[in-house]
Amino acid sequence: VQLQAYGGGLVQAGGSLRLSCAASQRIFNINAMGWYRQAQGKQRELVATVTSGGTTNYADSVKGRFTISRDNGRITMVYLQMNSLKPEDTATYYCKVVTSGTRNEYWGQGTQVTVSS
């Protein structure tokens, strides 16, 4: 299974972007899906997650601005709506899917988000 993340780009502060992540095939028994980011010179950090039951969790820095959603119909997808973007949101964003039971982890290749001031 491969994850393909897309939707990043260059945006001015205060703008919006919508990231998408698509799996190459439907993933069954998903435990959680999420987005992480890594700024240059920093460690990768959690941005947002959503469980199979729909429970969401957000980093404090993005609460109220970002919204995670998912779709596991014919295609496994996870989205991240990012509003009121700030320069400190600049990073490479990665999607991740974790399955139940075997706890397999799948990572996307990353999509760059750059927010100019």
N, C-alpha and C. Protein backbone atom coordinates (compact mmCIF):
# COMPACT_ATOMS: atom_id res chain seq x y z
N VAL A 1 0.84 -1.19 0.00
CA VAL A 1 0.00 0.00 0.00
C VAL A 1 0.88 1.25 0.00
N GLN A 2 0.56 2.19 -0.85
CA GLN A 2 1.27 3.46 -0.88
C GLN A 2 0.29 4.60 -0.66
N LEU A 3 0.76 5.62 0.04
CA LEU A 3 -0.04 6.81 0.27
C LEU A 3 0.54 7.95 -0.55
N GLN A 4 -0.32 8.70 -1.20
CA GLN A 4 0.09 9.83 -2.01
C GLN A 4 -0.54 11.09 -1.43
N ALA A 5 0.31 11.98 -0.92
CA ALA A 5 -0.18 13.25 -0.37
C ALA A 5 -0.01 14.34 -1.40
N TYR A 6 -0.98 15.23 -1.48
CA TYR A 6 -0.89 16.34 -2.43
C TYR A 6 -1.74 17.50 -1.93
N GLY A 7 -1.56 18.63 -2.58
CA GLY A 7 -2.34 19.82 -2.22
C GLY A 7 -1.52 20.91 -1.58
N GLY A 8 -0.24 20.66 -1.32
CA GLY A 8 0.59 21.69 -0.73
C GLY A 8 0.90 22.79 -1.72
N GLY A 9 1.56 23.82 -1.23
CA GLY A 9 1.91 24.92 -2.11
C GLY A 9 2.35 26.13 -1.32
N LEU A 10 2.43 27.25 -2.02
CA LEU A 10 2.82 28.52 -1.43
C LEU A 10 1.58 29.38 -1.25
N VAL A 11 1.39 29.88 -0.04
CA VAL A 11 0.22 30.69 0.25
C VAL A 11 0.62 31.81 1.19
N GLN A 12 -0.08 32.91 1.11
CA GLN A 12 0.18 34.03 2.01
C GLN A 12 -0.45 33.77 3.38
N ALA A 13 0.11 34.39 4.38
CA ALA A 13 -0.44 34.27 5.72
C ALA A 13 -1.92 34.67 5.70
N GLY A 14 -2.72 33.90 6.41
CA GLY A 14 -4.15 34.12 6.43
C GLY A 14 -4.91 33.32 5.39
N GLY A 15 -4.18 32.72 4.48
CA GLY A 15 -4.81 31.94 3.42
C GLY A 15 -5.15 30.52 3.84
N SER A 16 -5.63 29.76 2.87
CA SER A 16 -6.08 28.39 3.14
C SER A 16 -5.50 27.42 2.12
N LEU A 17 -5.36 26.19 2.56
CA LEU A 17 -4.99 25.08 1.69
C LEU A 17 -5.73 23.84 2.15
N ARG A 18 -5.96 22.94 1.22
CA ARG A 18 -6.58 21.66 1.55
C ARG A 18 -5.64 20.56 1.08
N LEU A 19 -5.16 19.79 2.04
CA LEU A 19 -4.29 18.66 1.71
C LEU A 19 -5.13 17.41 1.57
N SER A 20 -4.72 16.57 0.65
CA SER A 20 -5.39 15.29 0.45
C SER A 20 -4.35 14.18 0.47
N CYS A 21 -4.79 13.01 0.86
CA CYS A 21 -3.91 11.85 0.89
C CYS A 21 -4.73 10.65 0.44
N ALA A 22 -4.27 10.01 -0.61
CA ALA A 22 -4.99 8.87 -1.17
C ALA A 22 -4.14 7.61 -1.09
N ALA A 23 -4.76 6.53 -0.71
CA ALA A 23 -4.08 5.24 -0.69
C ALA A 23 -4.19 4.57 -2.05
N SER A 24 -3.18 3.79 -2.39
CA SER A 24 -3.18 3.11 -3.68
C SER A 24 -4.24 2.02 -3.75
N GLN A 25 -4.70 1.60 -2.58
CA GLN A 25 -5.78 0.63 -2.51
C GLN A 25 -6.50 0.84 -1.19
N ARG A 26 -7.70 0.36 -1.14
CA ARG A 26 -8.47 0.52 0.08
C ARG A 26 -7.77 -0.22 1.22
N ILE A 27 -7.70 0.47 2.36
CA ILE A 27 -7.07 -0.11 3.54
C ILE A 27 -8.16 -0.53 4.51
N PHE A 28 -8.10 -1.76 4.93
CA PHE A 28 -9.10 -2.28 5.85
C PHE A 28 -8.59 -2.25 7.29
N ASN A 29 -9.53 -2.30 8.21
CA ASN A 29 -9.19 -2.35 9.65
C ASN A 29 -8.32 -1.17 10.06
N ILE A 30 -8.73 0.02 9.66
CA ILE A 30 -7.98 1.21 10.03
C ILE A 30 -8.25 1.56 11.48
N ASN A 31 -7.19 1.84 12.21
CA ASN A 31 -7.30 2.30 13.58
C ASN A 31 -7.37 3.82 13.62
N ALA A 32 -6.47 4.47 12.89
CA ALA A 32 -6.44 5.93 12.87
C ALA A 32 -5.73 6.42 11.62
N MET A 33 -6.05 7.64 11.24
CA MET A 33 -5.41 8.32 10.12
C MET A 33 -4.97 9.67 10.62
N GLY A 34 -3.90 10.20 10.06
CA GLY A 34 -3.46 11.47 10.58
C GLY A 34 -2.53 12.22 9.66
N TRP A 35 -2.24 13.43 10.09
CA TRP A 35 -1.29 14.29 9.41
C TRP A 35 -0.21 14.70 10.41
N TYR A 36 1.00 14.70 9.92
CA TYR A 36 2.15 15.13 10.70
C TYR A 36 2.91 16.14 9.86
N ARG A 37 3.77 16.90 10.49
CA ARG A 37 4.57 17.85 9.72
C ARG A 37 5.97 17.94 10.29
N GLN A 38 6.88 18.33 9.42
CA GLN A 38 8.26 18.49 9.83
C GLN A 38 8.82 19.75 9.20
N ALA A 39 9.12 20.70 10.05
CA ALA A 39 9.75 21.93 9.59
C ALA A 39 11.26 21.71 9.49
N GLN A 40 11.89 22.51 8.70
CA GLN A 40 13.33 22.36 8.50
C GLN A 40 14.06 22.48 9.83
N GLY A 41 14.91 21.51 10.12
CA GLY A 41 15.69 21.54 11.34
C GLY A 41 14.95 21.12 12.59
N LYS A 42 13.71 20.69 12.43
CA LYS A 42 12.91 20.29 13.58
C LYS A 42 12.43 18.85 13.43
N GLN A 43 11.97 18.30 14.56
CA GLN A 43 11.44 16.94 14.54
C GLN A 43 10.03 16.91 13.96
N ARG A 44 9.67 15.76 13.44
CA ARG A 44 8.32 15.59 12.94
C ARG A 44 7.34 15.66 14.12
N GLU A 45 6.23 16.34 13.90
CA GLU A 45 5.25 16.50 14.97
C GLU A 45 3.85 16.19 14.47
N LEU A 46 3.02 15.79 15.41
CA LEU A 46 1.63 15.49 15.09
C LEU A 46 0.88 16.79 14.82
N VAL A 47 0.06 16.77 13.78
CA VAL A 47 -0.82 17.90 13.48
C VAL A 47 -2.26 17.56 13.87
N ALA A 48 -2.75 16.43 13.35
CA ALA A 48 -4.12 16.04 13.61
C ALA A 48 -4.30 14.56 13.32
N THR A 49 -5.18 13.93 14.08
CA THR A 49 -5.51 12.53 13.82
C THR A 49 -7.03 12.35 13.90
N VAL A 50 -7.49 11.30 13.26
CA VAL A 50 -8.90 10.92 13.33
C VAL A 50 -8.97 9.41 13.42
N THR A 51 -9.74 8.91 14.38
CA THR A 51 -9.85 7.47 14.54
C THR A 51 -10.93 6.92 13.62
N SER A 52 -11.00 5.61 13.58
CA SER A 52 -12.03 4.98 12.76
C SER A 52 -13.43 5.34 13.25
N GLY A 53 -13.52 5.67 14.52
CA GLY A 53 -14.81 6.06 15.08
C GLY A 53 -15.13 7.53 14.90
N GLY A 54 -14.19 8.27 14.33
CA GLY A 54 -14.43 9.68 14.06
C GLY A 54 -13.91 10.64 15.11
N THR A 55 -13.26 10.13 16.12
CA THR A 55 -12.70 11.01 17.14
C THR A 55 -11.46 11.72 16.60
N THR A 56 -11.43 13.02 16.75
CA THR A 56 -10.32 13.82 16.24
C THR A 56 -9.45 14.35 17.37
N ASN A 57 -8.20 14.60 17.01
CA ASN A 57 -7.26 15.16 17.96
C ASN A 57 -6.37 16.13 17.20
N TYR A 58 -6.11 17.28 17.80
CA TYR A 58 -5.33 18.31 17.11
C TYR A 58 -4.20 18.81 18.01
N ALA A 59 -3.11 19.18 17.39
CA ALA A 59 -2.08 19.89 18.11
C ALA A 59 -2.64 21.24 18.54
N ASP A 60 -2.22 21.70 19.69
CA ASP A 60 -2.73 22.97 20.21
C ASP A 60 -2.50 24.10 19.21
N SER A 61 -1.41 24.04 18.50
CA SER A 61 -1.04 25.13 17.59
C SER A 61 -1.97 25.26 16.40
N VAL A 62 -2.77 24.24 16.11
CA VAL A 62 -3.63 24.29 14.93
C VAL A 62 -5.11 24.22 15.29
N LYS A 63 -5.43 24.05 16.55
CA LYS A 63 -6.83 23.95 16.96
C LYS A 63 -7.60 25.20 16.53
N GLY A 64 -8.77 24.96 15.97
CA GLY A 64 -9.61 26.06 15.53
C GLY A 64 -9.28 26.56 14.13
N ARG A 65 -8.17 26.10 13.58
CA ARG A 65 -7.76 26.54 12.23
C ARG A 65 -7.75 25.37 11.24
N PHE A 66 -7.39 24.20 11.70
CA PHE A 66 -7.28 23.03 10.82
C PHE A 66 -8.41 22.05 11.12
N THR A 67 -8.84 21.34 10.09
CA THR A 67 -9.86 20.31 10.25
C THR A 67 -9.45 19.06 9.48
N ILE A 68 -9.43 17.95 10.19
CA ILE A 68 -9.11 16.66 9.54
C ILE A 68 -10.40 15.92 9.25
N SER A 69 -10.42 15.23 8.13
CA SER A 69 -11.57 14.39 7.78
C SER A 69 -11.05 13.19 7.01
N ARG A 70 -11.90 12.18 6.89
CA ARG A 70 -11.45 10.96 6.20
C ARG A 70 -12.60 10.33 5.45
N ASP A 71 -12.23 9.46 4.53
CA ASP A 71 -13.19 8.72 3.74
C ASP A 71 -12.60 7.35 3.51
N ASN A 72 -13.31 6.35 3.86
CA ASN A 72 -12.81 4.99 3.62
C ASN A 72 -13.84 4.19 2.87
N GLY A 73 -14.31 4.80 1.80
CA GLY A 73 -15.21 4.08 0.92
C GLY A 73 -14.41 3.24 -0.06
N ARG A 74 -14.64 3.44 -1.34
CA ARG A 74 -13.88 2.69 -2.35
C ARG A 74 -12.42 3.06 -2.32
N ILE A 75 -12.13 4.30 -1.95
CA ILE A 75 -10.75 4.76 -1.87
C ILE A 75 -10.52 5.28 -0.46
N THR A 76 -9.41 4.92 0.10
CA THR A 76 -9.06 5.43 1.42
C THR A 76 -8.42 6.80 1.27
N MET A 77 -9.06 7.81 1.88
CA MET A 77 -8.60 9.17 1.76
C MET A 77 -8.59 9.82 3.14
N VAL A 78 -7.65 10.72 3.32
CA VAL A 78 -7.67 11.57 4.51
C VAL A 78 -7.33 12.98 4.05
N TYR A 79 -8.02 13.96 4.63
CA TYR A 79 -7.90 15.35 4.21
C TYR A 79 -7.48 16.22 5.40
N LEU A 80 -6.90 17.35 5.07
CA LEU A 80 -6.60 18.35 6.09
C LEU A 80 -6.92 19.72 5.51
N GLN A 81 -7.99 20.31 6.01
CA GLN A 81 -8.35 21.68 5.64
C GLN A 81 -7.61 22.63 6.56
N MET A 82 -6.81 23.49 5.98
CA MET A 82 -5.99 24.41 6.76
C MET A 82 -6.41 25.84 6.46
N ASN A 83 -6.91 26.53 7.44
CA ASN A 83 -7.35 27.92 7.31
C ASN A 83 -6.49 28.82 8.19
N SER A 84 -6.56 30.09 7.92
CA SER A 84 -5.81 31.08 8.71
C SER A 84 -4.35 30.66 8.88
N LEU A 85 -3.75 30.31 7.80
CA LEU A 85 -2.37 29.81 7.85
C LEU A 85 -1.40 30.88 8.32
N LYS A 86 -0.40 30.41 9.04
CA LYS A 86 0.64 31.28 9.60
C LYS A 86 2.01 30.85 9.06
N PRO A 87 2.96 31.75 9.06
CA PRO A 87 4.31 31.36 8.60
C PRO A 87 4.87 30.16 9.37
N GLU A 88 4.52 30.04 10.63
CA GLU A 88 5.02 28.91 11.42
C GLU A 88 4.38 27.58 11.04
N ASP A 89 3.40 27.59 10.16
CA ASP A 89 2.83 26.35 9.63
C ASP A 89 3.67 25.80 8.47
N THR A 90 4.66 26.55 8.05
CA THR A 90 5.51 26.11 6.96
C THR A 90 6.24 24.82 7.35
N ALA A 91 6.08 23.80 6.53
CA ALA A 91 6.67 22.49 6.81
C ALA A 91 6.33 21.54 5.68
N THR A 92 6.94 20.37 5.74
CA THR A 92 6.51 19.27 4.88
C THR A 92 5.48 18.47 5.66
N TYR A 93 4.33 18.25 5.05
CA TYR A 93 3.23 17.57 5.70
C TYR A 93 3.14 16.13 5.19
N TYR A 94 3.01 15.22 6.14
CA TYR A 94 2.95 13.79 5.84
C TYR A 94 1.64 13.20 6.35
N CYS A 95 1.05 12.32 5.56
CA CYS A 95 -0.12 11.60 6.04
C CYS A 95 0.32 10.21 6.52
N LYS A 96 -0.51 9.67 7.38
CA LYS A 96 -0.19 8.38 8.00
C LYS A 96 -1.48 7.62 8.26
N VAL A 97 -1.43 6.34 8.03
CA VAL A 97 -2.55 5.45 8.34
C VAL A 97 -2.01 4.31 9.19
N VAL A 98 -2.72 4.01 10.26
CA VAL A 98 -2.35 2.91 11.16
C VAL A 98 -3.51 1.92 11.21
N THR A 99 -3.19 0.66 11.04
CA THR A 99 -4.25 -0.35 11.08
C THR A 99 -4.38 -0.94 12.47
N SER A 100 -5.51 -1.52 12.71
CA SER A 100 -5.75 -2.21 13.98
C SER A 100 -5.06 -3.57 13.96
N GLY A 101 -5.01 -4.20 15.09
CA GLY A 101 -4.43 -5.54 15.16
C GLY A 101 -2.93 -5.53 14.92
N THR A 102 -2.52 -5.67 13.68
CA THR A 102 -1.10 -5.75 13.34
C THR A 102 -0.39 -4.41 13.49
N ARG A 103 -1.16 -3.33 13.60
CA ARG A 103 -0.60 -1.98 13.79
C ARG A 103 0.38 -1.62 12.66
N ASN A 104 0.04 -1.98 11.45
CA ASN A 104 0.85 -1.54 10.30
C ASN A 104 0.75 -0.03 10.16
N GLU A 105 1.84 0.59 9.80
CA GLU A 105 1.88 2.03 9.58
C GLU A 105 2.24 2.32 8.13
N TYR A 106 1.48 3.18 7.52
CA TYR A 106 1.74 3.61 6.15
C TYR A 106 1.92 5.12 6.16
N TRP A 107 2.98 5.56 5.50
CA TRP A 107 3.28 6.99 5.43
C TRP A 107 3.25 7.47 3.98
N GLY A 108 2.73 8.68 3.81
CA GLY A 108 2.81 9.32 2.51
C GLY A 108 4.18 9.94 2.32
N GLN A 109 4.45 10.41 1.12
CA GLN A 109 5.78 10.91 0.79
C GLN A 109 5.98 12.36 1.20
N GLY A 110 4.96 13.05 1.60
CA GLY A 110 5.10 14.42 2.05
C GLY A 110 4.73 15.42 0.97
N THR A 111 4.12 16.51 1.40
CA THR A 111 3.81 17.61 0.50
C THR A 111 4.20 18.91 1.21
N GLN A 112 4.85 19.79 0.49
CA GLN A 112 5.41 21.00 1.09
C GLN A 112 4.36 22.10 1.18
N VAL A 113 4.27 22.68 2.34
CA VAL A 113 3.42 23.85 2.57
C VAL A 113 4.32 25.00 3.00
N THR A 114 4.23 26.11 2.27
CA THR A 114 5.02 27.28 2.59
C THR A 114 4.08 28.46 2.75
N VAL A 115 4.15 29.11 3.90
CA VAL A 115 3.29 30.25 4.20
C VAL A 115 4.17 31.49 4.30
N SER A 116 3.92 32.44 3.44
CA SER A 116 4.72 33.67 3.43
C SER A 116 4.04 34.74 4.29
N SER A 117 4.86 35.56 4.89
CA SER A 117 4.32 36.62 5.76
C SER A 117 4.03 37.89 4.98
